Amino acid sequence: GYELEYETPPGNGYTILEADTASTSITYTHNGLTGGVEYQYQVYAINMAGTSLSSTAVVGLTMPDAPTLLVVTQPATSGIELELSWTAPANNVASYQIERESPVGGGFSVLVADTLSSTTTYVDNNLTNGLTPATLYNYRVSGINPSGTGPVSTEQDGTTLADAPTNLTTSHVYTAPSDIVL
């Protein structure tokens, strides 16, 4: 079998994870870990003669936890756009993946595969992403680190502003000295 030890953060001192796996299997799953945290491991082989020296230590980084508090707002003074903001997970997020769904219930697609930034805001608009007026959109966000893309946030939706009226004309109809009819 094998004895497994881990430490987090690396350099903090090892804790025995499994005193003896009582198995010759060379894989082990360490469950219940915190997202976005580095864990360092070393392994000892155990046989009837005793316990070997430790293996070379290896470091693993868990994927980030899901972002929280996703908010989608329509700026009152802008064109057709929706602003997204969220709270970052506690540990090791390098960037984010943003997904959008429209119509709601129609299935999500990746809007931005990797923001290449740890910034916790994003503006989705009609110029770069084809938003349409007076439409409901649903969003979710995932954190990314070197271990991969973590779980998605809760979903939040927002509706874009309607198009501004067009072909507005005035007519000069006398109803009162200071009235204009639209």
C-alpha atoms as a PDB file:
ATOM      1  CA  GLY A   1       0.000   0.000   0.000  1.00  0.00           C
ATOM      2  CA  TYR A   2       0.901   3.642   0.236  1.00  0.00           C
ATOM      3  CA  GLU A   3       0.972   6.384   2.825  1.00  0.00           C
ATOM      4  CA  LEU A   4      -0.253   9.719   1.476  1.00  0.00           C
ATOM      5  CA  GLU A   5       0.512  13.105   2.992  1.00  0.00           C
ATOM      6  CA  TYR A   6      -0.517  16.597   1.992  1.00  0.00           C
ATOM      7  CA  GLU A   7       0.052  20.169   3.056  1.00  0.00           C
ATOM      8  CA  THR A   8      -1.653  23.427   2.246  1.00  0.00           C
ATOM      9  CA  PRO A   9      -0.318  25.877   1.558  1.00  0.00           C
ATOM     10  CA  PRO A  10       2.910  24.219   0.425  1.00  0.00           C
ATOM     11  CA  GLY A  11       5.525  24.638   3.152  1.00  0.00           C
ATOM     12  CA  ASN A  12       2.948  24.624   5.949  1.00  0.00           C
ATOM     13  CA  GLY A  13       3.723  21.093   7.226  1.00  0.00           C
ATOM     14  CA  TYR A  14       2.370  17.737   6.098  1.00  0.00           C
ATOM     15  CA  THR A  15      -0.724  15.980   7.401  1.00  0.00           C
ATOM     16  CA  ILE A  16      -1.339  12.277   6.872  1.00  0.00           C
ATOM     17  CA  LEU A  17      -4.172  11.864   4.388  1.00  0.00           C
ATOM     18  CA  GLU A  18      -4.106   8.057   4.335  1.00  0.00           C
ATOM     19  CA  ALA A  19      -1.818   6.070   6.696  1.00  0.00           C
ATOM     20  CA  ASP A  20      -2.009   2.947   4.523  1.00  0.00           C
ATOM     21  CA  THR A  21      -4.142   2.604   1.414  1.00  0.00           C
ATOM     22  CA  ALA A  22      -3.832  -1.209   1.788  1.00  0.00           C
ATOM     23  CA  SER A  23      -3.942  -1.263  -1.997  1.00  0.00           C
ATOM     24  CA  THR A  24      -1.485  -1.360  -4.869  1.00  0.00           C
ATOM     25  CA  SER A  25      -3.605   1.108  -6.832  1.00  0.00           C
ATOM     26  CA  ILE A  26      -1.518   4.072  -7.950  1.00  0.00           C
ATOM     27  CA  THR A  27      -4.387   6.564  -8.067  1.00  0.00           C
ATOM     28  CA  TYR A  28      -6.120   8.329  -5.211  1.00  0.00           C
ATOM     29  CA  THR A  29      -8.832  10.987  -5.134  1.00  0.00           C
ATOM     30  CA  HIS A  30      -8.644  13.620  -2.419  1.00  0.00           C
ATOM     31  CA  ASN A  31     -12.215  14.897  -1.950  1.00  0.00           C
ATOM     32  CA  GLY A  32     -13.686  17.889  -0.134  1.00  0.00           C
ATOM     33  CA  LEU A  33     -10.982  20.376  -1.058  1.00  0.00           C
ATOM     34  CA  THR A  34     -11.323  24.155  -1.155  1.00  0.00           C
ATOM     35  CA  GLY A  35     -11.569  25.675  -4.632  1.00  0.00           C
ATOM     36  CA  GLY A  36      -8.612  27.633  -5.990  1.00  0.00           C
ATOM     37  CA  VAL A  37      -6.149  26.363  -3.373  1.00  0.00           C
ATOM     38  CA  GLU A  38      -2.745  24.691  -3.853  1.00  0.00           C
ATOM     39  CA  TYR A  39      -2.180  21.338  -2.174  1.00  0.00           C
ATOM     40  CA  GLN A  40       1.225  19.623  -2.043  1.00  0.00           C
ATOM     41  CA  TYR A  41       1.499  15.834  -1.802  1.00  0.00           C
ATOM     42  CA  GLN A  42       4.131  13.227  -1.086  1.00  0.00           C
ATOM     43  CA  VAL A  43       3.753   9.438  -1.090  1.00  0.00           C
ATOM     44  CA  TYR A  44       5.545   6.597   0.710  1.00  0.00           C
ATOM     45  CA  ALA A  45       5.453   2.983  -0.447  1.00  0.00           C
ATOM     46  CA  ILE A  46       4.664   0.424   2.279  1.00  0.00           C
ATOM     47  CA  ASN A  47       5.570  -3.264   2.208  1.00  0.00           C
ATOM     48  CA  MET A  48       6.462  -5.966   4.733  1.00  0.00           C
ATOM     49  CA  ALA A  49       9.955  -4.490   5.133  1.00  0.00           C
ATOM     50  CA  GLY A  50       8.573  -1.102   6.156  1.00  0.00           C
ATOM     51  CA  THR A  51       7.971   2.346   4.714  1.00  0.00           C
ATOM     52  CA  SER A  52      10.091   3.850   1.933  1.00  0.00           C
ATOM     53  CA  LEU A  53      11.499   7.342   1.729  1.00  0.00           C
ATOM     54  CA  SER A  54       9.009   9.897   0.410  1.00  0.00           C
ATOM     55  CA  SER A  55       8.410  10.535  -3.250  1.00  0.00           C
ATOM     56  CA  THR A  56       9.254  13.875  -4.783  1.00  0.00           C
ATOM     57  CA  ALA A  57       6.557  16.329  -3.714  1.00  0.00           C
ATOM     58  CA  VAL A  58       4.016  17.450  -6.302  1.00  0.00           C
ATOM     59  CA  VAL A  59       1.669  20.430  -6.166  1.00  0.00           C
ATOM     60  CA  GLY A  60      -1.903  20.441  -7.387  1.00  0.00           C
ATOM     61  CA  LEU A  61      -4.184  23.450  -7.721  1.00  0.00           C
ATOM     62  CA  THR A  62      -7.941  22.969  -7.442  1.00  0.00           C
ATOM     63  CA  MET A  63     -10.272  24.740  -9.857  1.00  0.00           C
ATOM     64  CA  PRO A  64     -11.816  27.949  -8.521  1.00  0.00           C
ATOM     65  CA  ASP A  65     -15.165  28.001  -6.770  1.00  0.00           C
ATOM     66  CA  ALA A  66     -18.117  29.615  -8.550  1.00  0.00           C
ATOM     67  CA  PRO A  67     -18.349  33.420  -8.587  1.00  0.00           C
ATOM     68  CA  THR A  68     -21.183  34.800  -6.449  1.00  0.00           C
ATOM     69  CA  LEU A  69     -23.588  37.744  -6.465  1.00  0.00           C
ATOM     70  CA  LEU A  70     -23.890  38.044 -10.252  1.00  0.00           C
ATOM     71  CA  VAL A  71     -25.858  41.191 -11.123  1.00  0.00           C
ATOM     72  CA  VAL A  72     -27.053  42.223 -14.593  1.00  0.00           C
ATOM     73  CA  THR A  73     -28.114  45.838 -15.129  1.00  0.00           C
ATOM     74  CA  GLN A  74     -29.218  47.974 -18.063  1.00  0.00           C
ATOM     75  CA  PRO A  75     -27.547  51.384 -17.860  1.00  0.00           C
ATOM     76  CA  ALA A  76     -30.271  54.016 -18.190  1.00  0.00           C
ATOM     77  CA  THR A  77     -28.225  56.348 -20.356  1.00  0.00           C
ATOM     78  CA  SER A  78     -26.510  53.939 -22.708  1.00  0.00           C
ATOM     79  CA  GLY A  79     -27.375  52.207 -25.925  1.00  0.00           C
ATOM     80  CA  ILE A  80     -28.310  48.570 -26.179  1.00  0.00           C
ATOM     81  CA  GLU A  81     -26.053  46.988 -23.575  1.00  0.00           C
ATOM     82  CA  LEU A  82     -26.110  45.053 -20.322  1.00  0.00           C
ATOM     83  CA  GLU A  83     -23.530  45.409 -17.577  1.00  0.00           C
ATOM     84  CA  LEU A  84     -22.509  42.342 -15.584  1.00  0.00           C
ATOM     85  CA  SER A  85     -20.750  42.401 -12.212  1.00  0.00           C
ATOM     86  CA  TRP A  86     -19.995  39.629  -9.741  1.00  0.00           C
ATOM     87  CA  THR A  87     -17.971  38.769  -6.662  1.00  0.00           C
ATOM     88  CA  ALA A  88     -14.806  36.742  -7.237  1.00  0.00           C
ATOM     89  CA  PRO A  89     -14.296  33.402  -5.503  1.00  0.00           C
ATOM     90  CA  ALA A  90     -11.905  33.522  -2.557  1.00  0.00           C
ATOM     91  CA  ASN A  91      -8.824  31.953  -4.167  1.00  0.00           C
ATOM     92  CA  ASN A  92      -6.716  31.820  -7.347  1.00  0.00           C
ATOM     93  CA  VAL A  93      -8.898  33.113 -10.174  1.00  0.00           C
ATOM     94  CA  ALA A  94      -6.947  34.262 -13.221  1.00  0.00           C
ATOM     95  CA  SER A  95      -9.885  35.123 -15.483  1.00  0.00           C
ATOM     96  CA  TYR A  96     -13.517  34.283 -16.272  1.00  0.00           C
ATOM     97  CA  GLN A  97     -15.738  32.543 -18.794  1.00  0.00           C
ATOM     98  CA  ILE A  98     -19.068  34.249 -19.521  1.00  0.00           C
ATOM     99  CA  GLU A  99     -22.069  32.419 -20.954  1.00  0.00           C
ATOM    100  CA  ARG A 100     -25.299  33.908 -22.318  1.00  0.00           C
ATOM    101  CA  GLU A 101     -28.707  32.437 -23.040  1.00  0.00           C
ATOM    102  CA  SER A 102     -31.449  33.882 -25.234  1.00  0.00           C
ATOM    103  CA  PRO A 103     -34.214  33.004 -25.398  1.00  0.00           C
ATOM    104  CA  VAL A 104     -34.181  32.153 -21.713  1.00  0.00           C
ATOM    105  CA  GLY A 105     -34.517  28.381 -21.462  1.00  0.00           C
ATOM    106  CA  GLY A 106     -32.987  27.929 -24.924  1.00  0.00           C
ATOM    107  CA  GLY A 107     -29.580  26.788 -23.656  1.00  0.00           C
ATOM    108  CA  PHE A 108     -26.410  28.664 -22.820  1.00  0.00           C
ATOM    109  CA  SER A 109     -23.593  29.374 -25.239  1.00  0.00           C
ATOM    110  CA  VAL A 110     -20.142  30.721 -24.477  1.00  0.00           C
ATOM    111  CA  LEU A 111     -20.074  34.485 -24.985  1.00  0.00           C
ATOM    112  CA  VAL A 112     -16.465  34.970 -23.806  1.00  0.00           C
ATOM    113  CA  ALA A 113     -14.313  31.842 -23.468  1.00  0.00           C
ATOM    114  CA  ASP A 114     -11.676  33.649 -21.394  1.00  0.00           C
ATOM    115  CA  THR A 115     -11.743  37.299 -20.337  1.00  0.00           C
ATOM    116  CA  LEU A 116      -7.933  37.167 -19.874  1.00  0.00           C
ATOM    117  CA  SER A 117      -8.459  39.342 -16.804  1.00  0.00           C
ATOM    118  CA  SER A 118      -9.452  38.955 -13.172  1.00  0.00           C
ATOM    119  CA  THR A 119     -11.755  41.994 -13.496  1.00  0.00           C
ATOM    120  CA  THR A 120     -15.230  41.214 -12.120  1.00  0.00           C
ATOM    121  CA  THR A 121     -17.231  43.300 -14.596  1.00  0.00           C
ATOM    122  CA  TYR A 122     -18.181  42.903 -18.247  1.00  0.00           C
ATOM    123  CA  VAL A 123     -20.269  44.934 -20.697  1.00  0.00           C
ATOM    124  CA  ASP A 124     -22.291  43.014 -23.299  1.00  0.00           C
ATOM    125  CA  ASN A 125     -23.524  45.211 -26.155  1.00  0.00           C
ATOM    126  CA  ASN A 126     -25.086  45.235 -29.593  1.00  0.00           C
ATOM    127  CA  LEU A 127     -21.941  46.448 -31.377  1.00  0.00           C
ATOM    128  CA  THR A 128     -19.653  43.530 -30.471  1.00  0.00           C
ATOM    129  CA  ASN A 129     -22.069  40.805 -29.388  1.00  0.00           C
ATOM    130  CA  GLY A 130     -25.281  41.397 -31.305  1.00  0.00           C
ATOM    131  CA  LEU A 131     -27.694  42.277 -28.507  1.00  0.00           C
ATOM    132  CA  THR A 132     -31.119  43.246 -29.759  1.00  0.00           C
ATOM    133  CA  PRO A 133     -33.496  45.821 -28.294  1.00  0.00           C
ATOM    134  CA  ALA A 134     -36.156  44.867 -25.739  1.00  0.00           C
ATOM    135  CA  THR A 135     -34.799  41.327 -25.331  1.00  0.00           C
ATOM    136  CA  LEU A 136     -34.331  39.228 -22.186  1.00  0.00           C
ATOM    137  CA  TYR A 137     -30.873  37.666 -21.782  1.00  0.00           C
ATOM    138  CA  ASN A 138     -29.696  35.230 -19.119  1.00  0.00           C
ATOM    139  CA  TYR A 139     -26.057  35.043 -17.945  1.00  0.00           C
ATOM    140  CA  ARG A 140     -23.735  32.923 -15.831  1.00  0.00           C
ATOM    141  CA  VAL A 141     -20.007  33.229 -15.069  1.00  0.00           C
ATOM    142  CA  SER A 142     -17.235  30.727 -14.221  1.00  0.00           C
ATOM    143  CA  GLY A 143     -13.768  31.323 -12.789  1.00  0.00           C
ATOM    144  CA  ILE A 144     -10.669  30.070 -14.627  1.00  0.00           C
ATOM    145  CA  ASN A 145      -7.241  29.207 -13.243  1.00  0.00           C
ATOM    146  CA  PRO A 146      -4.404  26.957 -14.495  1.00  0.00           C
ATOM    147  CA  SER A 147      -6.367  23.866 -13.351  1.00  0.00           C
ATOM    148  CA  GLY A 148      -9.345  24.688 -15.568  1.00  0.00           C
ATOM    149  CA  THR A 149     -12.767  26.278 -15.556  1.00  0.00           C
ATOM    150  CA  GLY A 150     -14.692  26.039 -12.288  1.00  0.00           C
ATOM    151  CA  PRO A 151     -18.437  25.688 -11.708  1.00  0.00           C
ATOM    152  CA  VAL A 152     -20.881  28.333 -12.922  1.00  0.00           C
ATOM    153  CA  SER A 153     -22.419  31.094 -10.839  1.00  0.00           C
ATOM    154  CA  THR A 154     -26.133  31.313 -10.294  1.00  0.00           C
ATOM    155  CA  GLU A 155     -27.950  32.599 -13.375  1.00  0.00           C
ATOM    156  CA  GLN A 156     -29.118  36.197 -13.653  1.00  0.00           C
ATOM    157  CA  ASP A 157     -31.075  37.899 -16.387  1.00  0.00           C
ATOM    158  CA  GLY A 158     -31.467  41.377 -17.782  1.00  0.00           C
ATOM    159  CA  THR A 159     -33.513  43.053 -20.501  1.00  0.00           C
ATOM    160  CA  THR A 160     -32.111  45.490 -23.029  1.00  0.00           C
ATOM    161  CA  LEU A 161     -33.767  48.845 -23.631  1.00  0.00           C
ATOM    162  CA  ALA A 162     -36.287  49.172 -26.429  1.00  0.00           C
ATOM    163  CA  ASP A 163     -35.241  51.010 -29.579  1.00  0.00           C
ATOM    164  CA  ALA A 164     -35.744  54.739 -29.526  1.00  0.00           C
ATOM    165  CA  PRO A 165     -38.827  55.844 -31.465  1.00  0.00           C
ATOM    166  CA  THR A 166     -38.128  56.803 -35.066  1.00  0.00           C
ATOM    167  CA  ASN A 167     -39.893  58.884 -37.715  1.00  0.00           C
ATOM    168  CA  LEU A 168     -41.035  61.377 -35.139  1.00  0.00           C
ATOM    169  CA  THR A 169     -42.780  64.316 -36.727  1.00  0.00           C
ATOM    170  CA  THR A 170     -44.551  67.383 -35.539  1.00  0.00           C
ATOM    171  CA  SER A 171     -47.604  69.009 -36.895  1.00  0.00           C
ATOM    172  CA  HIS A 172     -48.690  72.494 -36.287  1.00  0.00           C
ATOM    173  CA  VAL A 173     -52.253  72.200 -35.115  1.00  0.00           C
ATOM    174  CA  TYR A 174     -53.672  75.148 -33.334  1.00  0.00           C
ATOM    175  CA  THR A 175     -55.074  73.999 -29.998  1.00  0.00           C
ATOM    176  CA  ALA A 176     -53.559  76.637 -27.816  1.00  0.00           C
ATOM    177  CA  PRO A 177     -50.920  79.296 -28.400  1.00  0.00           C
ATOM    178  CA  SER A 178     -48.119  77.255 -26.838  1.00  0.00           C
ATOM    179  CA  ASP A 179     -49.036  73.612 -27.793  1.00  0.00           C
ATOM    180  CA  ILE A 180     -47.286  71.270 -30.215  1.00  0.00           C
ATOM    181  CA  VAL A 181     -48.867  67.937 -31.147  1.00  0.00           C
ATOM    182  CA  LEU A 182     -46.586  64.937 -31.624  1.00  0.00           C
END
